[in-house]
Amino acid sequence: MSVTDIDLSPTRPLCRKAASHWSSLNARICPGASGWIGSAVVPELMGAGHQVTGLARSDASAAALIAAGAGVHRGTLDDLDILRSAAAASDGVIHLAFKHDIAFSGDFQGAADADRRAVETFGEALAGTDRPFLIASGMLGIAPGRVATERDEPAAHFEGGLQARQATAQLTVSLASRGVRSSVVRLPPTVHGQGDNGFMAFLVGIARDKGVSGYIAEGTNRWPAVHLLDAARLFRLALETAPAGSVLHANAEEGVPIRAIAEVIGRHLNLPIAAISPEHAAAHFSWLAGFLGVDSPASSTVTRELLGWQPTHPGLLDDLDQGHYFHNPSA
């Protein structure tokens, strides 16, 4: 198929409407296709008529992709030759993987470096093709204390691995000048939904362990949020029509106060709500403390206008109130 009917000009303004014509793609979602985000993106793409092949590093990941009706290409994020050949054979790439296992066990820099190498490899394979290339990035801390927009560059306070990961996102945007229809999809800190084992599940587990549902200081700091299925739809729309060099915000809610989250958790677990002082936050929340105290609201207005994306699934507090986060005693 051809994607030449899509306006791929690298200098296209961010706020201009995206092209409305697209053809089905042999979209090769490489590492991450069987993960949390990929588990929704794969069926979203296939439901729209796209053919999907995912990169699987284990038998379990391969089985999940096959069960979803997708093709399987075996390999890992470190198999750069495999990534290169997979990208060259596809009509588009969505890169969803990140080595969270090592990132949150002390080697965030190593995880960020592996991500950078993968993105460089994809960029080389896709240069001059005008094919879409999407990566997942983060929006937490982009503009602390104010509402971040798609036009905001990452804040200067990022260091080490976090700085490196933001630099990789900027590299992805720059690939537009090399003939790649590149886009960065900034995800909020919580992409929630049934089956989520991320930050919300971790907060529920901490509350169970500590016997109190806590928040830091006054708990007025805000996190943006999105339902998994709404995020998946945005990835599809971006693959189909996002202009080259786009930065997109995948949040349905601008900012949910952390105290409001703690209140819902406490109510469902029948636990008291308590403020945790900043000096005791690390002892109470472990590694999550450094993220939980950030005030990081964000807007997705530009993204919605550009792609016609309208989230329709429950917000974070409503999703928590559905109870599925509390069904697993180990959460």
Protein backbone atom coordinates (compact mmCIF):
# COMPACT_ATOMS: atom_id res chain seq x y z
CA MET A 1 0.00 0.00 0.00
CA SER A 2 0.97 3.61 -0.19
CA VAL A 3 0.74 6.43 2.30
CA THR A 4 1.53 9.12 -0.26
CA ASP A 5 -1.98 10.54 0.06
CA ILE A 6 -1.04 11.90 3.52
CA ASP A 7 0.53 15.34 3.80
CA LEU A 8 3.99 14.57 5.17
CA SER A 9 5.59 18.00 5.09
CA PRO A 10 8.07 18.21 8.02
CA THR A 11 7.36 21.92 8.39
CA ARG A 12 3.61 21.51 8.72
CA PRO A 13 2.30 23.62 11.65
CA LEU A 14 1.40 21.64 14.75
CA CYS A 15 -2.09 23.08 15.01
CA ARG A 16 -3.11 22.53 11.37
CA LYS A 17 -5.70 19.82 10.76
CA ALA A 18 -4.32 16.39 9.85
CA ALA A 19 -5.11 14.75 6.54
CA SER A 20 -8.27 12.69 6.56
CA HIS A 21 -7.28 10.08 3.95
CA TRP A 22 -5.40 6.92 4.84
CA SER A 23 -4.97 3.37 3.70
CA SER A 24 -4.60 0.23 5.80
CA LEU A 25 -1.05 -0.26 7.01
CA ASN A 26 1.13 -3.27 7.65
CA ALA A 27 1.91 -1.58 10.97
CA ARG A 28 4.73 -3.34 12.75
CA ILE A 29 4.49 -2.61 16.45
CA CYS A 30 7.90 -3.60 17.63
CA PRO A 31 8.90 -4.03 21.29
CA GLY A 32 5.98 -3.52 23.66
CA ALA A 33 3.21 -4.95 21.49
CA SER A 34 2.20 -7.46 24.16
CA GLY A 35 2.57 -5.03 27.07
CA TRP A 36 -0.08 -2.91 28.78
CA ILE A 37 -0.38 -0.22 26.09
CA GLY A 38 0.18 -2.67 23.26
CA SER A 39 -2.57 -4.96 24.55
CA ALA A 40 -5.08 -2.26 23.56
CA VAL A 41 -3.28 -0.74 20.57
CA VAL A 42 -3.07 -4.07 18.70
CA PRO A 43 -6.85 -4.74 18.64
CA GLU A 44 -7.55 -1.05 17.99
CA LEU A 45 -5.39 -1.17 14.86
CA MET A 46 -6.69 -4.52 13.68
CA GLY A 47 -10.26 -3.38 14.16
CA ALA A 48 -9.53 -0.52 11.77
CA GLY A 49 -8.23 -2.87 9.10
CA HIS A 50 -4.49 -2.68 9.75
CA GLN A 51 -2.22 -5.71 9.70
CA VAL A 52 -0.06 -5.93 12.82
CA THR A 53 3.16 -7.73 13.61
CA GLY A 54 4.61 -7.43 17.10
CA LEU A 55 8.11 -8.09 18.37
CA ALA A 56 8.02 -10.70 21.15
CA ARG A 57 10.92 -11.53 23.45
CA SER A 58 9.25 -14.51 25.17
CA ASP A 59 6.91 -17.40 24.46
CA ALA A 60 4.26 -15.73 26.64
CA SER A 61 4.48 -12.49 24.65
CA ALA A 62 4.30 -14.38 21.37
CA ALA A 63 1.25 -16.33 22.57
CA ALA A 64 -0.51 -13.09 23.57
CA LEU A 65 0.08 -11.59 20.13
CA ILE A 66 -1.11 -14.72 18.35
CA ALA A 67 -4.23 -14.83 20.52
CA ALA A 68 -4.95 -11.23 19.47
CA GLY A 69 -4.65 -12.18 15.81
CA ALA A 70 -1.34 -10.42 15.22
CA GLY A 71 1.82 -11.71 13.60
CA VAL A 72 4.95 -12.36 15.65
CA HIS A 73 8.59 -11.44 15.08
CA ARG A 74 10.87 -12.85 17.79
CA GLY A 75 13.53 -10.58 19.28
CA THR A 76 14.32 -8.05 21.99
CA LEU A 77 14.94 -4.33 22.25
CA ASP A 78 18.68 -5.02 22.04
CA ASP A 79 18.47 -6.95 18.75
CA LEU A 80 19.15 -3.93 16.57
CA ASP A 81 19.53 -5.90 13.34
CA ILE A 82 16.10 -7.45 13.90
CA LEU A 83 14.59 -4.04 14.65
CA ARG A 84 16.16 -2.61 11.51
CA SER A 85 14.88 -5.35 9.21
CA ALA A 86 11.44 -5.33 10.82
CA ALA A 87 11.10 -1.58 10.33
CA ALA A 88 12.31 -1.74 6.73
CA ALA A 89 9.67 -4.38 5.93
CA SER A 90 6.78 -2.46 7.47
CA ASP A 91 4.55 0.43 6.46
CA GLY A 92 4.81 1.97 9.91
CA VAL A 93 6.33 1.45 13.35
CA ILE A 94 4.92 2.05 16.81
CA HIS A 95 7.60 1.74 19.49
CA LEU A 96 5.94 1.11 22.85
CA ALA A 97 8.64 -0.68 24.80
CA PHE A 98 10.86 0.53 27.61
CA LYS A 99 12.95 -1.56 29.97
CA HIS A 100 10.89 -0.78 33.05
CA ASP A 101 12.29 -3.82 34.84
CA ILE A 102 15.79 -2.38 35.00
CA ALA A 103 14.67 1.25 35.02
CA PHE A 104 12.92 0.91 38.38
CA SER A 105 15.50 -1.41 39.90
CA GLY A 106 18.30 1.15 39.75
CA ASP A 107 19.44 1.40 36.13
CA PHE A 108 17.16 4.01 34.52
CA GLN A 109 20.13 5.27 32.52
CA GLY A 110 20.69 1.82 31.04
CA ALA A 111 17.02 1.56 30.08
CA ALA A 112 17.11 5.03 28.50
CA ASP A 113 20.27 4.19 26.56
CA ALA A 114 18.68 1.02 25.15
CA ASP A 115 15.64 3.03 24.12
CA ARG A 116 17.84 5.59 22.36
CA ARG A 117 19.64 2.90 20.38
CA ALA A 118 16.33 1.38 19.29
CA VAL A 119 14.95 4.74 18.14
CA GLU A 120 18.15 5.53 16.24
CA THR A 121 17.87 2.16 14.51
CA PHE A 122 14.24 2.72 13.54
CA GLY A 123 15.08 6.20 12.29
CA GLU A 124 17.86 4.89 10.06
CA ALA A 125 15.61 2.19 8.60
CA LEU A 126 12.73 4.57 7.89
CA ALA A 127 14.71 7.61 6.67
CA GLY A 128 13.41 8.90 3.34
CA THR A 129 10.33 6.66 3.31
CA ASP A 130 7.69 9.12 4.64
CA ARG A 131 6.37 6.21 6.72
CA PRO A 132 4.89 6.79 10.18
CA PHE A 133 7.03 6.20 13.26
CA LEU A 134 5.48 6.69 16.71
CA ILE A 135 7.08 6.40 20.12
CA ALA A 136 5.55 6.50 23.57
CA SER A 137 7.03 9.07 25.92
CA GLY A 138 5.96 10.66 29.21
CA MET A 139 4.43 13.98 30.21
CA LEU A 140 4.98 13.88 33.98
CA GLY A 141 7.16 16.82 34.97
CA ILE A 142 7.25 18.46 31.54
CA ALA A 143 6.18 21.81 33.05
CA PRO A 144 5.84 21.38 36.84
CA GLY A 145 3.30 23.63 38.55
CA ARG A 146 1.48 24.77 35.42
CA VAL A 147 -0.56 23.22 32.63
CA ALA A 148 1.83 21.73 30.07
CA THR A 149 0.95 21.82 26.37
CA GLU A 150 2.18 19.94 23.33
CA ARG A 151 4.44 22.89 22.52
CA ASP A 152 6.34 22.71 25.80
CA GLU A 153 9.88 21.39 25.79
CA PRO A 154 10.88 19.20 28.74
CA ALA A 155 11.81 21.09 31.89
CA ALA A 156 15.51 21.73 32.49
CA HIS A 157 15.44 19.93 35.85
CA PHE A 158 15.50 16.48 34.20
CA GLU A 159 18.76 14.67 34.87
CA GLY A 160 20.44 11.38 33.99
CA GLY A 161 18.16 8.75 32.49
CA LEU A 162 15.10 11.01 32.54
CA GLN A 163 16.99 13.64 30.58
CA ALA A 164 18.20 11.00 28.15
CA ARG A 165 14.68 9.72 27.56
CA GLN A 166 13.42 13.22 26.79
CA ALA A 167 16.36 13.68 24.42
CA THR A 168 15.23 10.53 22.62
CA ALA A 169 11.77 12.04 22.19
CA GLN A 170 13.35 15.16 20.69
CA LEU A 171 15.40 12.96 18.37
CA THR A 172 12.18 11.31 17.20
CA VAL A 173 10.62 14.67 16.36
CA SER A 174 13.76 15.66 14.42
CA LEU A 175 13.41 12.61 12.17
CA ALA A 176 10.74 14.59 10.29
CA SER A 177 13.59 16.43 8.56
CA ARG A 178 14.91 13.07 7.32
CA GLY A 179 11.72 11.97 5.61
CA VAL A 180 10.07 10.10 8.48
CA ARG A 181 6.48 10.88 9.55
CA SER A 182 7.53 10.82 13.19
CA SER A 183 5.34 11.50 16.22
CA VAL A 184 5.89 11.47 19.97
CA VAL A 185 2.87 10.44 22.03
CA ARG A 186 3.29 11.73 25.57
CA LEU A 187 1.43 9.47 27.98
CA PRO A 188 0.23 10.61 31.42
CA PRO A 189 1.62 8.87 34.50
CA THR A 190 -1.50 6.75 34.80
CA VAL A 191 -2.97 4.94 31.80
CA HIS A 192 -5.72 3.25 33.74
CA GLY A 193 -8.16 0.45 33.09
CA GLN A 194 -8.96 -3.11 34.08
CA GLY A 195 -5.74 -5.13 34.29
CA ASP A 196 -3.52 -2.11 35.04
CA ASN A 197 -0.50 -2.98 37.19
CA GLY A 198 1.04 0.49 37.12
CA PHE A 199 1.06 3.42 39.52
CA MET A 200 -2.57 3.08 40.62
CA ALA A 201 -2.17 -0.61 41.46
CA PHE A 202 1.03 0.23 43.32
CA LEU A 203 -0.75 2.91 45.37
CA VAL A 204 -3.47 0.42 46.29
CA GLY A 205 -0.81 -2.06 47.38
CA ILE A 206 0.96 0.54 49.52
CA ALA A 207 -2.31 1.49 51.20
CA ARG A 208 -2.97 -2.17 52.04
CA ASP A 209 0.54 -2.66 53.40
CA LYS A 210 0.64 0.55 55.45
CA GLY A 211 -2.98 0.47 56.65
CA VAL A 212 -3.54 4.02 55.46
CA SER A 213 -4.24 5.65 52.10
CA GLY A 214 -1.73 8.44 51.88
CA TYR A 215 -0.83 11.48 49.84
CA ILE A 216 2.14 13.85 50.12
CA ALA A 217 1.77 17.18 51.93
CA GLU A 218 -1.65 18.66 51.11
CA GLY A 219 -2.24 16.34 48.17
CA THR A 220 -3.31 19.19 45.89
CA ASN A 221 -0.75 18.34 43.23
CA ARG A 222 -2.32 16.98 40.04
CA TRP A 223 -1.67 14.13 37.66
CA PRO A 224 -3.11 13.94 34.13
CA ALA A 225 -4.75 10.63 33.27
CA VAL A 226 -6.24 8.61 30.42
CA HIS A 227 -8.16 5.36 30.03
CA LEU A 228 -6.21 2.67 28.19
CA LEU A 229 -8.78 2.37 25.40
CA ASP A 230 -8.77 6.12 24.75
CA ALA A 231 -4.97 6.08 24.57
CA ALA A 232 -5.07 3.18 22.09
CA ARG A 233 -7.40 5.13 19.80
CA LEU A 234 -5.02 8.08 19.82
CA PHE A 235 -2.12 5.86 18.76
CA ARG A 236 -4.22 4.64 15.82
CA LEU A 237 -5.21 8.15 14.77
CA ALA A 238 -1.60 9.28 15.00
CA LEU A 239 -0.39 6.35 12.92
CA GLU A 240 -2.96 7.15 10.25
CA THR A 241 -2.82 10.93 9.99
CA ALA A 242 -0.47 12.74 12.38
CA PRO A 243 1.80 15.21 10.56
CA ALA A 244 5.56 14.65 10.60
CA GLY A 245 7.22 15.99 13.73
CA SER A 246 4.07 15.96 15.88
CA VAL A 247 4.11 16.02 19.67
CA LEU A 248 0.82 14.66 21.00
CA HIS A 249 -0.70 14.57 24.48
CA ALA A 250 -2.66 11.42 25.31
CA ASN A 251 -4.44 12.65 28.41
CA ALA A 252 -8.21 12.77 28.79
CA GLU A 253 -8.07 14.59 32.15
CA GLU A 254 -5.95 17.68 32.72
CA GLY A 255 -5.14 16.94 36.33
CA VAL A 256 -6.59 14.75 39.07
CA PRO A 257 -5.57 15.79 42.63
CA ILE A 258 -3.56 13.06 44.34
CA ARG A 259 -5.61 13.52 47.50
CA ALA A 260 -8.79 12.69 45.55
CA ILE A 261 -7.15 9.46 44.40
CA ALA A 262 -6.18 8.61 47.99
CA GLU A 263 -9.74 9.25 49.14
CA VAL A 264 -11.20 6.77 46.64
CA ILE A 265 -8.60 4.15 47.57
CA GLY A 266 -9.25 4.65 51.28
CA ARG A 267 -13.00 4.36 50.81
CA HIS A 268 -12.75 1.10 48.88
CA LEU A 269 -10.26 -0.43 51.31
CA ASN A 270 -12.02 0.97 54.39
CA LEU A 271 -8.80 2.69 55.45
CA PRO A 272 -8.12 6.15 56.88
CA ILE A 273 -6.76 8.92 54.67
CA ALA A 274 -3.57 10.60 55.81
CA ALA A 275 -1.10 13.25 54.70
CA ILE A 276 2.48 12.02 54.53
CA SER A 277 5.10 14.71 55.10
CA PRO A 278 7.64 15.23 52.29
CA GLU A 279 10.49 14.12 54.57
CA HIS A 280 8.73 10.79 55.23
CA ALA A 281 7.43 10.26 51.70
CA ALA A 282 10.31 8.05 50.52
CA ALA A 283 9.91 5.71 53.49
CA HIS A 284 6.16 5.44 52.92
CA PHE A 285 5.90 5.37 49.11
CA SER A 286 9.34 3.94 48.23
CA TRP A 287 10.49 4.81 44.68
CA LEU A 288 7.05 6.22 43.83
CA ALA A 289 7.57 9.18 46.18
CA GLY A 290 9.64 11.10 43.64
CA PHE A 291 6.79 10.96 41.14
CA LEU A 292 3.80 11.20 43.45
CA GLY A 293 4.69 14.66 44.74
CA VAL A 294 4.96 16.27 41.30
CA ASP A 295 2.28 18.76 40.24
CA SER A 296 2.06 18.13 36.52
CA PRO A 297 -1.28 19.03 34.89
CA ALA A 298 -1.37 18.93 31.10
CA SER A 299 -3.62 19.97 28.24
CA SER A 300 -4.42 17.88 25.17
CA THR A 301 -6.34 20.59 23.31
CA VAL A 302 -3.92 20.78 20.38
CA THR A 303 -3.94 17.00 19.98
CA ARG A 304 -7.74 16.83 19.99
CA GLU A 305 -8.04 19.57 17.38
CA LEU A 306 -5.31 18.08 15.21
CA LEU A 307 -6.58 14.49 15.10
CA GLY A 308 -10.23 14.75 16.13
CA TRP A 309 -9.52 12.63 19.20
CA GLN A 310 -12.28 12.67 21.80
CA PRO A 311 -11.87 10.44 24.88
CA THR A 312 -15.08 8.58 25.75
CA HIS A 313 -14.14 6.12 28.50
CA PRO A 314 -14.37 6.64 32.29
CA GLY A 315 -12.10 9.12 34.04
CA LEU A 316 -9.60 7.98 36.65
CA LEU A 317 -11.77 8.42 39.76
CA ASP A 318 -14.77 6.78 38.09
CA ASP A 319 -12.56 3.93 36.95
CA LEU A 320 -11.23 3.44 40.47
CA ASP A 321 -14.80 3.45 41.73
CA GLN A 322 -15.63 0.53 39.45
CA GLY A 323 -13.68 -1.60 41.91
CA HIS A 324 -11.42 -3.70 39.69
CA TYR A 325 -8.26 -2.22 41.23
CA PHE A 326 -9.30 -3.70 44.58
CA HIS A 327 -10.20 -7.24 43.52
CA ASN A 328 -6.62 -8.50 43.63
CA PRO A 329 -5.41 -8.72 47.26
CA SER A 330 -1.78 -8.62 46.10
CA ALA A 331 -2.25 -5.27 44.33
